[in-house]
């Protein structure tokens, strides 16, 4: 899981791409795979991302990045991302995401 500075990020309306600044100061462009809430976790919203580099790669396997998604109540175009802290939370989130992705197929 990638670590990054806790700062607001803006989703580009034209394309589902986020520009993340990582803790080491590097930037990573990521495609938004899904934005969803998890009822079992008090309807907390989560976001699933894949780096653009992984998407453009010849490899079939891509690293999926999962974060808590917190929208700014004063500006819905602004949000922050937080790391998932526990294995239990991660397992719950991945189970819900798996269901979402299966339903899309």
PDB file of N, CA and C in Angstrom:
ATOM      1  N   UNK A   1       0.845  -1.170   0.000  1.00  0.00           N
ATOM      2  CA  UNK A   1       0.000   0.000   0.000  1.00  0.00           C
ATOM      3  C   UNK A   1       0.888   1.228   0.000  1.00  0.00           C
ATOM      4  N   UNK A   2       0.569   2.184  -0.804  1.00  0.00           N
ATOM      5  CA  UNK A   2       1.364   3.401  -0.891  1.00  0.00           C
ATOM      6  C   UNK A   2       1.014   4.356   0.238  1.00  0.00           C
ATOM      7  N   UNK A   3       2.008   5.046   0.700  1.00  0.00           N
ATOM      8  CA  UNK A   3       1.828   6.094   1.693  1.00  0.00           C
ATOM      9  C   UNK A   3       1.939   7.422   0.959  1.00  0.00           C
ATOM     10  N   UNK A   4       1.214   8.443   1.420  1.00  0.00           N
ATOM     11  CA  UNK A   4       1.328   9.743   0.787  1.00  0.00           C
ATOM     12  C   UNK A   4       0.979  10.818   1.786  1.00  0.00           C
ATOM     13  N   UNK A   5       1.327  12.041   1.451  1.00  0.00           N
ATOM     14  CA  UNK A   5       1.018  13.169   2.312  1.00  0.00           C
ATOM     15  C   UNK A   5      -0.492  13.341   2.413  1.00  0.00           C
ATOM     16  N   UNK A   6      -0.967  13.728   3.590  1.00  0.00           N
ATOM     17  CA  UNK A   6      -2.390  13.969   3.750  1.00  0.00           C
ATOM     18  C   UNK A   6      -2.686  15.386   3.273  1.00  0.00           C
ATOM     19  N   UNK A   7      -2.981  15.493   2.012  1.00  0.00           N
ATOM     20  CA  UNK A   7      -3.363  16.777   1.441  1.00  0.00           C
ATOM     21  C   UNK A   7      -4.515  16.534   0.505  1.00  0.00           C
ATOM     22  N   UNK A   8      -5.255  17.588   0.207  1.00  0.00           N
ATOM     23  CA  UNK A   8      -6.396  17.445  -0.685  1.00  0.00           C
ATOM     24  C   UNK A   8      -5.937  17.135  -2.094  1.00  0.00           C
ATOM     25  N   UNK A   9      -6.697  16.297  -2.762  1.00  0.00           N
ATOM     26  CA  UNK A   9      -6.462  15.953  -4.158  1.00  0.00           C
ATOM     27  C   UNK A   9      -7.752  16.229  -4.908  1.00  0.00           C
ATOM     28  N   UNK A  10      -7.629  16.606  -6.154  1.00  0.00           N
ATOM     29  CA  UNK A  10      -8.790  16.929  -6.973  1.00  0.00           C
ATOM     30  C   UNK A  10      -8.906  15.898  -8.091  1.00  0.00           C
ATOM     31  N   UNK A  11     -10.108  15.339  -8.270  1.00  0.00           N
ATOM     32  CA  UNK A  11     -10.357  14.421  -9.384  1.00  0.00           C
ATOM     33  C   UNK A  11     -10.565  15.258 -10.639  1.00  0.00           C
ATOM     34  N   UNK A  12      -9.908  14.873 -11.720  1.00  0.00           N
ATOM     35  CA  UNK A  12     -10.137  15.549 -12.998  1.00  0.00           C
ATOM     36  C   UNK A  12     -11.455  15.048 -13.563  1.00  0.00           C
ATOM     37  N   UNK A  13     -12.347  15.958 -13.891  1.00  0.00           N
ATOM     38  CA  UNK A  13     -13.672  15.596 -14.384  1.00  0.00           C
ATOM     39  C   UNK A  13     -13.613  14.827 -15.700  1.00  0.00           C
ATOM     40  N   UNK A  14     -12.699  15.194 -16.613  1.00  0.00           N
ATOM     41  CA  UNK A  14     -12.676  14.599 -17.937  1.00  0.00           C
ATOM     42  C   UNK A  14     -12.217  13.146 -17.910  1.00  0.00           C
ATOM     43  N   UNK A  15     -11.313  12.819 -17.038  1.00  0.00           N
ATOM     44  CA  UNK A  15     -10.785  11.465 -16.963  1.00  0.00           C
ATOM     45  C   UNK A  15     -10.745  11.027 -15.502  1.00  0.00           C
ATOM     46  N   UNK A  16     -10.943   9.755 -15.276  1.00  0.00           N
ATOM     47  CA  UNK A  16     -10.908   9.272 -13.884  1.00  0.00           C
ATOM     48  C   UNK A  16      -9.473   9.037 -13.408  1.00  0.00           C
ATOM     49  N   UNK A  17      -8.693  10.106 -13.315  1.00  0.00           N
ATOM     50  CA  UNK A  17      -7.291   9.996 -12.914  1.00  0.00           C
ATOM     51  C   UNK A  17      -7.026  10.902 -11.721  1.00  0.00           C
ATOM     52  N   UNK A  18      -6.321  10.363 -10.732  1.00  0.00           N
ATOM     53  CA  UNK A  18      -5.883  11.147  -9.572  1.00  0.00           C
ATOM     54  C   UNK A  18      -4.383  11.328  -9.648  1.00  0.00           C
ATOM     55  N   UNK A  19      -3.918  12.470  -9.226  1.00  0.00           N
ATOM     56  CA  UNK A  19      -2.487  12.745  -9.147  1.00  0.00           C
ATOM     57  C   UNK A  19      -2.122  12.744  -7.667  1.00  0.00           C
ATOM     58  N   UNK A  20      -1.474  11.681  -7.197  1.00  0.00           N
ATOM     59  CA  UNK A  20      -1.113  11.539  -5.788  1.00  0.00           C
ATOM     60  C   UNK A  20       0.327  11.967  -5.563  1.00  0.00           C
ATOM     61  N   UNK A  21       0.554  12.689  -4.469  1.00  0.00           N
ATOM     62  CA  UNK A  21       1.918  12.985  -4.051  1.00  0.00           C
ATOM     63  C   UNK A  21       2.236  12.041  -2.901  1.00  0.00           C
ATOM     64  N   UNK A  22       3.243  11.205  -3.084  1.00  0.00           N
ATOM     65  CA  UNK A  22       3.627  10.219  -2.079  1.00  0.00           C
ATOM     66  C   UNK A  22       4.496  10.865  -1.018  1.00  0.00           C
ATOM     67  N   UNK A  23       4.657  10.179   0.123  1.00  0.00           N
ATOM     68  CA  UNK A  23       5.439  10.719   1.232  1.00  0.00           C
ATOM     69  C   UNK A  23       6.871  11.062   0.842  1.00  0.00           C
ATOM     70  N   UNK A  24       7.429  10.325  -0.134  1.00  0.00           N
ATOM     71  CA  UNK A  24       8.816  10.584  -0.538  1.00  0.00           C
ATOM     72  C   UNK A  24       8.926  11.735  -1.536  1.00  0.00           C
ATOM     73  N   UNK A  25       7.799  12.414  -1.819  1.00  0.00           N
ATOM     74  CA  UNK A  25       7.810  13.561  -2.707  1.00  0.00           C
ATOM     75  C   UNK A  25       7.562  13.241  -4.164  1.00  0.00           C
ATOM     76  N   UNK A  26       7.545  11.961  -4.515  1.00  0.00           N
ATOM     77  CA  UNK A  26       7.268  11.585  -5.899  1.00  0.00           C
ATOM     78  C   UNK A  26       5.765  11.655  -6.150  1.00  0.00           C
ATOM     79  N   UNK A  27       5.415  11.733  -7.421  1.00  0.00           N
ATOM     80  CA  UNK A  27       4.007  11.758  -7.792  1.00  0.00           C
ATOM     81  C   UNK A  27       3.652  10.500  -8.559  1.00  0.00           C
ATOM     82  N   UNK A  28       2.412  10.077  -8.407  1.00  0.00           N
ATOM     83  CA  UNK A  28       1.930   8.887  -9.099  1.00  0.00           C
ATOM     84  C   UNK A  28       0.544   9.177  -9.635  1.00  0.00           C
ATOM     85  N   UNK A  29       0.346   8.934 -10.934  1.00  0.00           N
ATOM     86  CA  UNK A  29      -0.974   9.079 -11.532  1.00  0.00           C
ATOM     87  C   UNK A  29      -1.693   7.745 -11.432  1.00  0.00           C
ATOM     88  N   UNK A  30      -2.931   7.792 -10.960  1.00  0.00           N
ATOM     89  CA  UNK A  30      -3.704   6.567 -10.756  1.00  0.00           C
ATOM     90  C   UNK A  30      -5.084   6.686 -11.386  1.00  0.00           C
ATOM     91  N   UNK A  31      -5.528   5.605 -11.997  1.00  0.00           N
ATOM     92  CA  UNK A  31      -6.882   5.530 -12.541  1.00  0.00           C
ATOM     93  C   UNK A  31      -7.826   5.107 -11.432  1.00  0.00           C
ATOM     94  N   UNK A  32      -8.996   5.724 -11.400  1.00  0.00           N
ATOM     95  CA  UNK A  32     -10.015   5.375 -10.412  1.00  0.00           C
ATOM     96  C   UNK A  32     -10.766   4.150 -10.926  1.00  0.00           C
ATOM     97  N   UNK A  33     -10.719   3.086 -10.145  1.00  0.00           N
ATOM     98  CA  UNK A  33     -11.421   1.851 -10.504  1.00  0.00           C
ATOM     99  C   UNK A  33     -12.834   1.865  -9.919  1.00  0.00           C
ATOM    100  N   UNK A  34     -12.950   2.307  -8.668  1.00  0.00           N
ATOM    101  CA  UNK A  34     -14.262   2.345  -8.013  1.00  0.00           C
ATOM    102  C   UNK A  34     -14.225   3.302  -6.835  1.00  0.00           C
ATOM    103  N   UNK A  35     -15.357   3.928  -6.585  1.00  0.00           N
ATOM    104  CA  UNK A  35     -15.591   4.749  -5.397  1.00  0.00           C
ATOM    105  C   UNK A  35     -16.861   4.188  -4.776  1.00  0.00           C
ATOM    106  N   UNK A  36     -16.776   3.689  -3.551  1.00  0.00           N
ATOM    107  CA  UNK A  36     -17.895   2.957  -2.969  1.00  0.00           C
ATOM    108  C   UNK A  36     -17.929   3.110  -1.456  1.00  0.00           C
ATOM    109  N   UNK A  37     -19.099   2.893  -0.882  1.00  0.00           N
ATOM    110  CA  UNK A  37     -19.228   2.930   0.580  1.00  0.00           C
ATOM    111  C   UNK A  37     -19.397   1.508   1.098  1.00  0.00           C
ATOM    112  N   UNK A  38     -19.007   1.318   2.351  1.00  0.00           N
ATOM    113  CA  UNK A  38     -19.082   0.006   2.978  1.00  0.00           C
ATOM    114  C   UNK A  38     -20.019   0.117   4.183  1.00  0.00           C
ATOM    115  N   UNK A  39     -21.187  -0.486   4.040  1.00  0.00           N
ATOM    116  CA  UNK A  39     -22.223  -0.412   5.069  1.00  0.00           C
ATOM    117  C   UNK A  39     -21.732  -0.959   6.411  1.00  0.00           C
ATOM    118  N   UNK A  40     -20.980  -2.064   6.362  1.00  0.00           N
ATOM    119  CA  UNK A  40     -20.491  -2.702   7.597  1.00  0.00           C
ATOM    120  C   UNK A  40     -19.516  -1.816   8.376  1.00  0.00           C
ATOM    121  N   UNK A  41     -18.989  -0.795   7.730  1.00  0.00           N
ATOM    122  CA  UNK A  41     -18.025   0.115   8.370  1.00  0.00           C
ATOM    123  C   UNK A  41     -18.604   1.528   8.452  1.00  0.00           C
ATOM    124  N   UNK A  42     -19.848   1.605   8.920  1.00  0.00           N
ATOM    125  CA  UNK A  42     -20.542   2.883   9.119  1.00  0.00           C
ATOM    126  C   UNK A  42     -20.641   3.718   7.850  1.00  0.00           C
ATOM    127  N   UNK A  43     -20.823   3.050   6.717  1.00  0.00           N
ATOM    128  CA  UNK A  43     -20.958   3.706   5.413  1.00  0.00           C
ATOM    129  C   UNK A  43     -19.755   4.568   5.046  1.00  0.00           C
ATOM    130  N   UNK A  44     -18.582   4.212   5.573  1.00  0.00           N
ATOM    131  CA  UNK A  44     -17.341   4.891   5.190  1.00  0.00           C
ATOM    132  C   UNK A  44     -17.133   4.687   3.696  1.00  0.00           C
ATOM    133  N   UNK A  45     -16.699   5.731   3.001  1.00  0.00           N
ATOM    134  CA  UNK A  45     -16.408   5.606   1.576  1.00  0.00           C
ATOM    135  C   UNK A  45     -14.952   5.203   1.367  1.00  0.00           C
ATOM    136  N   UNK A  46     -14.738   4.440   0.295  1.00  0.00           N
ATOM    137  CA  UNK A  46     -13.400   3.962  -0.077  1.00  0.00           C
ATOM    138  C   UNK A  46     -13.201   4.196  -1.562  1.00  0.00           C
ATOM    139  N   UNK A  47     -11.951   4.236  -1.969  1.00  0.00           N
ATOM    140  CA  UNK A  47     -11.617   4.398  -3.373  1.00  0.00           C
ATOM    141  C   UNK A  47     -10.589   3.334  -3.752  1.00  0.00           C
ATOM    142  N   UNK A  48     -10.786   2.730  -4.916  1.00  0.00           N
ATOM    143  CA  UNK A  48      -9.855   1.737  -5.454  1.00  0.00           C
ATOM    144  C   UNK A  48      -9.154   2.366  -6.653  1.00  0.00           C
ATOM    145  N   UNK A  49      -7.830   2.299  -6.655  1.00  0.00           N
ATOM    146  CA  UNK A  49      -7.010   2.916  -7.689  1.00  0.00           C
ATOM    147  C   UNK A  49      -6.017   1.918  -8.263  1.00  0.00           C
ATOM    148  N   UNK A  50      -5.607   2.154  -9.509  1.00  0.00           N
ATOM    149  CA  UNK A  50      -4.526   1.409 -10.142  1.00  0.00           C
ATOM    150  C   UNK A  50      -3.634   2.455 -10.793  1.00  0.00           C
ATOM    151  N   UNK A  51      -2.322   2.313 -10.621  1.00  0.00           N
ATOM    152  CA  UNK A  51      -1.423   3.295 -11.227  1.00  0.00           C
ATOM    153  C   UNK A  51      -1.521   3.224 -12.744  1.00  0.00           C
ATOM    154  N   UNK A  52      -1.415   4.370 -13.384  1.00  0.00           N
ATOM    155  CA  UNK A  52      -1.452   4.435 -14.849  1.00  0.00           C
ATOM    156  C   UNK A  52      -0.304   3.612 -15.427  1.00  0.00           C
ATOM    157  N   UNK A  53       0.831   3.657 -14.753  1.00  0.00           N
ATOM    158  CA  UNK A  53       1.992   2.865 -15.187  1.00  0.00           C
ATOM    159  C   UNK A  53       1.644   1.378 -15.252  1.00  0.00           C
ATOM    160  N   UNK A  54       0.948   0.871 -14.227  1.00  0.00           N
ATOM    161  CA  UNK A  54       0.533  -0.541 -14.227  1.00  0.00           C
ATOM    162  C   UNK A  54      -0.467  -0.832 -15.342  1.00  0.00           C
ATOM    163  N   UNK A  55      -1.390   0.105 -15.584  1.00  0.00           N
ATOM    164  CA  UNK A  55      -2.387  -0.104 -16.639  1.00  0.00           C
ATOM    165  C   UNK A  55      -1.752  -0.163 -18.020  1.00  0.00           C
ATOM    166  N   UNK A  56      -0.721   0.640 -18.219  1.00  0.00           N
ATOM    167  CA  UNK A  56      -0.062   0.691 -19.521  1.00  0.00           C
ATOM    168  C   UNK A  56       0.975  -0.411 -19.697  1.00  0.00           C
ATOM    169  N   UNK A  57       1.257  -1.138 -18.629  1.00  0.00           N
ATOM    170  CA  UNK A  57       2.255  -2.203 -18.656  1.00  0.00           C
ATOM    171  C   UNK A  57       1.715  -3.431 -19.379  1.00  0.00           C
ATOM    172  N   UNK A  58       2.635  -4.251 -19.877  1.00  0.00           N
ATOM    173  CA  UNK A  58       2.269  -5.504 -20.542  1.00  0.00           C
ATOM    174  C   UNK A  58       1.849  -6.578 -19.534  1.00  0.00           C
ATOM    175  N   UNK A  59       2.209  -6.393 -18.262  1.00  0.00           N
ATOM    176  CA  UNK A  59       1.877  -7.373 -17.227  1.00  0.00           C
ATOM    177  C   UNK A  59       0.368  -7.444 -17.032  1.00  0.00           C
ATOM    178  N   UNK A  60      -0.109  -8.663 -16.783  1.00  0.00           N
ATOM    179  CA  UNK A  60      -1.535  -8.834 -16.528  1.00  0.00           C
ATOM    180  C   UNK A  60      -1.909  -8.456 -15.103  1.00  0.00           C
ATOM    181  N   UNK A  61      -0.958  -8.543 -14.186  1.00  0.00           N
ATOM    182  CA  UNK A  61      -1.209  -8.220 -12.783  1.00  0.00           C
ATOM    183  C   UNK A  61      -0.930  -6.742 -12.516  1.00  0.00           C
ATOM    184  N   UNK A  62      -1.850  -6.071 -11.829  1.00  0.00           N
ATOM    185  CA  UNK A  62      -1.672  -4.681 -11.429  1.00  0.00           C
ATOM    186  C   UNK A  62      -1.899  -4.577  -9.934  1.00  0.00           C
ATOM    187  N   UNK A  63      -1.139  -3.703  -9.299  1.00  0.00           N
ATOM    188  CA  UNK A  63      -1.312  -3.486  -7.866  1.00  0.00           C
ATOM    189  C   UNK A  63      -2.530  -2.590  -7.648  1.00  0.00           C
ATOM    190  N   UNK A  64      -3.470  -3.071  -6.874  1.00  0.00           N
ATOM    191  CA  UNK A  64      -4.668  -2.305  -6.548  1.00  0.00           C
ATOM    192  C   UNK A  64      -4.402  -1.537  -5.264  1.00  0.00           C
ATOM    193  N   UNK A  65      -4.673  -0.239  -5.286  1.00  0.00           N
ATOM    194  CA  UNK A  65      -4.480   0.610  -4.114  1.00  0.00           C
ATOM    195  C   UNK A  65      -5.843   0.940  -3.540  1.00  0.00           C
ATOM    196  N   UNK A  66      -6.025   0.703  -2.257  1.00  0.00           N
ATOM    197  CA  UNK A  66      -7.289   0.992  -1.577  1.00  0.00           C
ATOM    198  C   UNK A  66      -7.049   2.014  -0.469  1.00  0.00           C
ATOM    199  N   UNK A  67      -7.919   3.023  -0.416  1.00  0.00           N
ATOM    200  CA  UNK A  67      -7.828   4.068   0.604  1.00  0.00           C
ATOM    201  C   UNK A  67      -9.215   4.424   1.105  1.00  0.00           C
ATOM    202  N   UNK A  68      -9.268   4.971   2.321  1.00  0.00           N
ATOM    203  CA  UNK A  68     -10.488   5.617   2.787  1.00  0.00           C
ATOM    204  C   UNK A  68     -10.606   6.927   2.011  1.00  0.00           C
ATOM    205  N   UNK A  69     -11.819   7.241   1.596  1.00  0.00           N
ATOM    206  CA  UNK A  69     -12.093   8.447   0.813  1.00  0.00           C
ATOM    207  C   UNK A  69     -12.943   9.370   1.672  1.00  0.00           C
ATOM    208  N   UNK A  70     -12.451  10.569   1.917  1.00  0.00           N
ATOM    209  CA  UNK A  70     -13.162  11.535   2.761  1.00  0.00           C
ATOM    210  C   UNK A  70     -13.394  12.819   1.980  1.00  0.00           C
ATOM    211  N   UNK A  71     -14.648  13.018   1.586  1.00  0.00           N
ATOM    212  CA  UNK A  71     -15.009  14.205   0.814  1.00  0.00           C
ATOM    213  C   UNK A  71     -15.124  15.403   1.734  1.00  0.00           C
ATOM    214  N   UNK A  72     -14.652  16.550   1.283  1.00  0.00           N
ATOM    215  CA  UNK A  72     -14.755  17.804   2.011  1.00  0.00           C
ATOM    216  C   UNK A  72     -16.211  18.255   1.970  1.00  0.00           C
ATOM    217  N   UNK A  73     -16.827  18.457   3.135  1.00  0.00           N
ATOM    218  CA  UNK A  73     -18.246  18.824   3.184  1.00  0.00           C
ATOM    219  C   UNK A  73     -18.507  20.213   2.590  1.00  0.00           C
ATOM    220  N   UNK A  74     -17.493  21.072   2.582  1.00  0.00           N
ATOM    221  CA  UNK A  74     -17.665  22.416   2.044  1.00  0.00           C
ATOM    222  C   UNK A  74     -17.393  22.488   0.541  1.00  0.00           C
ATOM    223  N   UNK A  75     -16.609  21.543   0.014  1.00  0.00           N
ATOM    224  CA  UNK A  75     -16.267  21.535  -1.413  1.00  0.00           C
ATOM    225  C   UNK A  75     -16.257  20.088  -1.898  1.00  0.00           C
ATOM    226  N   UNK A  76     -17.346  19.644  -2.534  1.00  0.00           N
ATOM    227  CA  UNK A  76     -17.445  18.233  -2.947  1.00  0.00           C
ATOM    228  C   UNK A  76     -16.409  17.798  -3.980  1.00  0.00           C
ATOM    229  N   UNK A  77     -15.699  18.747  -4.608  1.00  0.00           N
ATOM    230  CA  UNK A  77     -14.648  18.388  -5.557  1.00  0.00           C
ATOM    231  C   UNK A  77     -13.308  18.158  -4.868  1.00  0.00           C
ATOM    232  N   UNK A  78     -13.256  18.399  -3.563  1.00  0.00           N
ATOM    233  CA  UNK A  78     -12.021  18.255  -2.799  1.00  0.00           C
ATOM    234  C   UNK A  78     -12.190  17.128  -1.791  1.00  0.00           C
ATOM    235  N   UNK A  79     -11.131  16.341  -1.637  1.00  0.00           N
ATOM    236  CA  UNK A  79     -11.206  15.200  -0.730  1.00  0.00           C
ATOM    237  C   UNK A  79      -9.815  14.875  -0.199  1.00  0.00           C
ATOM    238  N   UNK A  80      -9.796  14.008   0.799  1.00  0.00           N
ATOM    239  CA  UNK A  80      -8.522  13.485   1.296  1.00  0.00           C
ATOM    240  C   UNK A  80      -8.605  11.966   1.312  1.00  0.00           C
ATOM    241  N   UNK A  81      -7.452  11.329   1.275  1.00  0.00           N
ATOM    242  CA  UNK A  81      -7.368   9.873   1.325  1.00  0.00           C
ATOM    243  C   UNK A  81      -6.599   9.479   2.571  1.00  0.00           C
ATOM    244  N   UNK A  82      -7.085   8.442   3.240  1.00  0.00           N
ATOM    245  CA  UNK A  82      -6.419   7.911   4.426  1.00  0.00           C
ATOM    246  C   UNK A  82      -6.133   6.439   4.216  1.00  0.00           C
ATOM    247  N   UNK A  83      -5.060   5.978   4.813  1.00  0.00           N
ATOM    248  CA  UNK A  83      -4.714   4.563   4.735  1.00  0.00           C
ATOM    249  C   UNK A  83      -5.709   3.715   5.508  1.00  0.00           C
ATOM    250  N   UNK A  84      -5.920   2.502   5.044  1.00  0.00           N
ATOM    251  CA  UNK A  84      -6.686   1.504   5.783  1.00  0.00           C
ATOM    252  C   UNK A  84      -5.758   0.981   6.870  1.00  0.00           C
ATOM    253  N   UNK A  85      -6.221   1.009   8.116  1.00  0.00           N
ATOM    254  CA  UNK A  85      -5.343   0.764   9.256  1.00  0.00           C
ATOM    255  C   UNK A  85      -5.237  -0.686   9.720  1.00  0.00           C
ATOM    256  N   UNK A  86      -6.295  -1.473   9.552  1.00  0.00           N
ATOM    257  CA  UNK A  86      -6.270  -2.829  10.111  1.00  0.00           C
ATOM    258  C   UNK A  86      -6.527  -3.882   9.037  1.00  0.00           C
ATOM    259  N   UNK A  87      -6.084  -5.099   9.316  1.00  0.00           N
ATOM    260  CA  UNK A  87      -6.343  -6.220   8.410  1.00  0.00           C
ATOM    261  C   UNK A  87      -7.838  -6.484   8.289  1.00  0.00           C
ATOM    262  N   UNK A  88      -8.563  -6.350   9.409  1.00  0.00           N
ATOM    263  CA  UNK A  88     -10.004  -6.598   9.406  1.00  0.00           C
ATOM    264  C   UNK A  88     -10.717  -5.600   8.474  1.00  0.00           C
ATOM    265  N   UNK A  89     -10.362  -4.321   8.574  1.00  0.00           N
ATOM    266  CA  UNK A  89     -10.957  -3.307   7.704  1.00  0.00           C
ATOM    267  C   UNK A  89     -10.621  -3.617   6.242  1.00  0.00           C
ATOM    268  N   UNK A  90      -9.367  -3.952   5.970  1.00  0.00           N
ATOM    269  CA  UNK A  90      -8.931  -4.265   4.602  1.00  0.00           C
ATOM    270  C   UNK A  90      -9.721  -5.451   4.037  1.00  0.00           C
ATOM    271  N   UNK A  91      -9.892  -6.494   4.821  1.00  0.00           N
ATOM    272  CA  UNK A  91     -10.626  -7.675   4.367  1.00  0.00           C
ATOM    273  C   UNK A  91     -12.083  -7.346   4.065  1.00  0.00           C
ATOM    274  N   UNK A  92     -12.702  -6.528   4.907  1.00  0.00           N
ATOM    275  CA  UNK A  92     -14.091  -6.128   4.688  1.00  0.00           C
ATOM    276  C   UNK A  92     -14.218  -5.313   3.411  1.00  0.00           C
ATOM    277  N   UNK A  93     -13.307  -4.358   3.226  1.00  0.00           N
ATOM    278  CA  UNK A  93     -13.334  -3.492   2.041  1.00  0.00           C
ATOM    279  C   UNK A  93     -13.102  -4.303   0.764  1.00  0.00           C
ATOM    280  N   UNK A  94     -12.136  -5.211   0.782  1.00  0.00           N
ATOM    281  CA  UNK A  94     -11.865  -6.004  -0.422  1.00  0.00           C
ATOM    282  C   UNK A  94     -13.032  -6.929  -0.757  1.00  0.00           C
ATOM    283  N   UNK A  95     -13.724  -7.438   0.253  1.00  0.00           N
ATOM    284  CA  UNK A  95     -14.887  -8.298  -0.006  1.00  0.00           C
ATOM    285  C   UNK A  95     -15.988  -7.504  -0.704  1.00  0.00           C
ATOM    286  N   UNK A  96     -16.234  -6.281  -0.251  1.00  0.00           N
ATOM    287  CA  UNK A  96     -17.256  -5.438  -0.878  1.00  0.00           C
ATOM    288  C   UNK A  96     -16.830  -5.069  -2.299  1.00  0.00           C
ATOM    289  N   UNK A  97     -15.566  -4.713  -2.481  1.00  0.00           N
ATOM    290  CA  UNK A  97     -15.074  -4.374  -3.821  1.00  0.00           C
ATOM    291  C   UNK A  97     -15.185  -5.569  -4.760  1.00  0.00           C
ATOM    292  N   UNK A  98     -14.853  -6.761  -4.285  1.00  0.00           N
ATOM    293  CA  UNK A  98     -14.990  -7.967  -5.107  1.00  0.00           C
ATOM    294  C   UNK A  98     -16.426  -8.142  -5.592  1.00  0.00           C
ATOM    295  N   UNK A  99     -17.405  -7.903  -4.706  1.00  0.00           N
ATOM    296  CA  UNK A  99     -18.817  -8.011  -5.080  1.00  0.00           C
ATOM    297  C   UNK A  99     -19.169  -6.991  -6.157  1.00  0.00           C
ATOM    298  N   UNK A 100     -18.674  -5.772  -5.995  1.00  0.00           N
ATOM    299  CA  UNK A 100     -18.950  -4.711  -6.966  1.00  0.00           C
ATOM    300  C   UNK A 100     -18.377  -5.080  -8.325  1.00  0.00           C
ATOM    301  N   UNK A 101     -17.133  -5.522  -8.345  1.00  0.00           N
ATOM    302  CA  UNK A 101     -16.487  -5.871  -9.608  1.00  0.00           C
ATOM    303  C   UNK A 101     -17.133  -7.080 -10.275  1.00  0.00           C
ATOM    304  N   UNK A 102     -17.586  -8.047  -9.483  1.00  0.00           N
ATOM    305  CA  UNK A 102     -18.291  -9.215 -10.037  1.00  0.00           C
ATOM    306  C   UNK A 102     -19.606  -8.807 -10.666  1.00  0.00           C
ATOM    307  N   UNK A 103     -20.319  -7.871 -10.022  1.00  0.00           N
ATOM    308  CA  UNK A 103     -21.606  -7.403 -10.553  1.00  0.00           C
ATOM    309  C   UNK A 103     -21.430  -6.671 -11.876  1.00  0.00           C
ATOM    310  N   UNK A 104     -20.283  -6.037 -12.091  1.00  0.00           N
ATOM    311  CA  UNK A 104     -20.031  -5.302 -13.334  1.00  0.00           C
ATOM    312  C   UNK A 104     -19.720  -6.220 -14.501  1.00  0.00           C
ATOM    313  N   UNK A 105     -19.291  -7.446 -14.219  1.00  0.00           N
ATOM    314  CA  UNK A 105     -18.930  -8.386 -15.291  1.00  0.00           C
ATOM    315  C   UNK A 105     -20.129  -8.962 -15.924  1.00  0.00           C
TER     316      UNK A 105
END
